Amino acid sequence: FRGWNSAEFKSKEFGNIQKEISSLLQTKIGKYREAIGA
């Protein structure tokens, strides 16, 4: 898979994006729970 560096890079980028989105969601959920007092 030495010729697939771009695909590997894309999958890593996609993984990073997913991590960022999930951490953002966790933060928003936490703030929402604080707001409703749960």
N, C-alpha and C. Protein backbone atom coordinates (compact mmCIF):
# COMPACT_ATOMS: atom_id res chain seq x y z
N PHE A 1 0.83 -1.21 0.00
CA PHE A 1 0.00 0.00 0.00
C PHE A 1 0.86 1.25 0.00
N ARG A 2 2.07 1.15 -0.51
CA ARG A 2 2.95 2.33 -0.50
C ARG A 2 2.46 3.39 -1.47
N GLY A 3 1.71 2.97 -2.48
CA GLY A 3 1.24 3.94 -3.46
C GLY A 3 -0.06 4.62 -3.04
N TRP A 4 -0.58 4.24 -1.86
CA TRP A 4 -1.87 4.77 -1.42
C TRP A 4 -1.71 5.79 -0.30
N ASN A 5 -0.63 6.53 -0.34
CA ASN A 5 -0.39 7.51 0.73
C ASN A 5 -1.52 8.54 0.81
N SER A 6 -2.04 8.96 -0.35
CA SER A 6 -3.10 9.97 -0.33
C SER A 6 -4.36 9.41 0.31
N ALA A 7 -4.67 8.15 0.03
CA ALA A 7 -5.86 7.53 0.63
C ALA A 7 -5.66 7.38 2.13
N GLU A 8 -4.46 7.00 2.53
CA GLU A 8 -4.17 6.87 3.96
C GLU A 8 -4.32 8.22 4.64
N PHE A 9 -3.80 9.26 3.99
CA PHE A 9 -3.91 10.61 4.54
C PHE A 9 -5.37 11.02 4.67
N LYS A 10 -6.15 10.72 3.64
CA LYS A 10 -7.58 11.09 3.67
C LYS A 10 -8.28 10.38 4.82
N SER A 11 -7.98 9.09 5.01
CA SER A 11 -8.65 8.36 6.09
C SER A 11 -8.24 8.92 7.45
N LYS A 12 -6.97 9.33 7.59
CA LYS A 12 -6.52 9.93 8.85
C LYS A 12 -7.23 11.25 9.07
N GLU A 13 -7.32 12.05 8.01
CA GLU A 13 -8.02 13.34 8.11
C GLU A 13 -9.46 13.12 8.51
N PHE A 14 -10.11 12.13 7.89
CA PHE A 14 -11.50 11.84 8.19
C PHE A 14 -11.66 11.41 9.65
N GLY A 15 -10.72 10.61 10.13
CA GLY A 15 -10.75 10.19 11.53
C GLY A 15 -10.62 11.38 12.47
N ASN A 16 -9.72 12.31 12.12
CA ASN A 16 -9.54 13.50 12.95
C ASN A 16 -10.81 14.34 12.96
N ILE A 17 -11.45 14.47 11.81
CA ILE A 17 -12.69 15.24 11.72
C ILE A 17 -13.75 14.59 12.59
N GLN A 18 -13.86 13.27 12.52
CA GLN A 18 -14.85 12.56 13.34
C GLN A 18 -14.59 12.79 14.83
N LYS A 19 -13.31 12.77 15.22
CA LYS A 19 -12.96 12.99 16.63
C LYS A 19 -13.38 14.39 17.06
N GLU A 20 -13.10 15.38 16.20
CA GLU A 20 -13.45 16.76 16.53
C GLU A 20 -14.95 16.90 16.68
N ILE A 21 -15.70 16.30 15.75
CA ILE A 21 -17.16 16.40 15.80
C ILE A 21 -17.69 15.75 17.07
N SER A 22 -17.18 14.57 17.40
CA SER A 22 -17.69 13.87 18.58
C SER A 22 -17.35 14.65 19.86
N SER A 23 -16.17 15.25 19.92
CA SER A 23 -15.82 16.02 21.12
C SER A 23 -16.69 17.27 21.22
N LEU A 24 -16.98 17.88 20.06
CA LEU A 24 -17.88 19.04 20.06
C LEU A 24 -19.26 18.63 20.56
N LEU A 25 -19.75 17.50 20.07
CA LEU A 25 -21.07 17.01 20.49
C LEU A 25 -21.07 16.74 21.99
N GLN A 26 -20.02 16.11 22.50
CA GLN A 26 -19.94 15.81 23.93
C GLN A 26 -20.01 17.10 24.74
N THR A 27 -19.30 18.13 24.27
CA THR A 27 -19.30 19.41 24.98
C THR A 27 -20.70 20.01 24.98
N LYS A 28 -21.34 19.99 23.81
CA LYS A 28 -22.69 20.55 23.71
C LYS A 28 -23.68 19.78 24.58
N ILE A 29 -23.57 18.45 24.58
CA ILE A 29 -24.46 17.62 25.39
C ILE A 29 -24.23 17.94 26.87
N GLY A 30 -22.99 18.07 27.26
CA GLY A 30 -22.68 18.39 28.66
C GLY A 30 -23.27 19.73 29.07
N LYS A 31 -23.15 20.74 28.21
CA LYS A 31 -23.70 22.06 28.52
C LYS A 31 -25.22 22.00 28.59
N TYR A 32 -25.81 21.22 27.68
CA TYR A 32 -27.27 21.09 27.65
C TYR A 32 -27.75 20.42 28.94
N ARG A 33 -27.04 19.38 29.38
CA ARG A 33 -27.43 18.68 30.60
C ARG A 33 -27.31 19.61 31.80
N GLU A 34 -26.26 20.45 31.81
CA GLU A 34 -26.12 21.40 32.91
C GLU A 34 -27.29 22.38 32.90
N ALA A 35 -27.69 22.79 31.70
CA ALA A 35 -28.76 23.78 31.57
C ALA A 35 -30.09 23.24 32.09
N ILE A 36 -30.37 21.95 31.82
CA ILE A 36 -31.64 21.39 32.27
C ILE A 36 -31.51 20.79 33.67
N GLY A 37 -30.30 20.83 34.23
CA GLY A 37 -30.10 20.38 35.60
C GLY A 37 -30.15 18.87 35.77
N ALA A 38 -29.76 18.14 34.73
CA ALA A 38 -29.79 16.67 34.83
C ALA A 38 -28.48 16.15 35.41
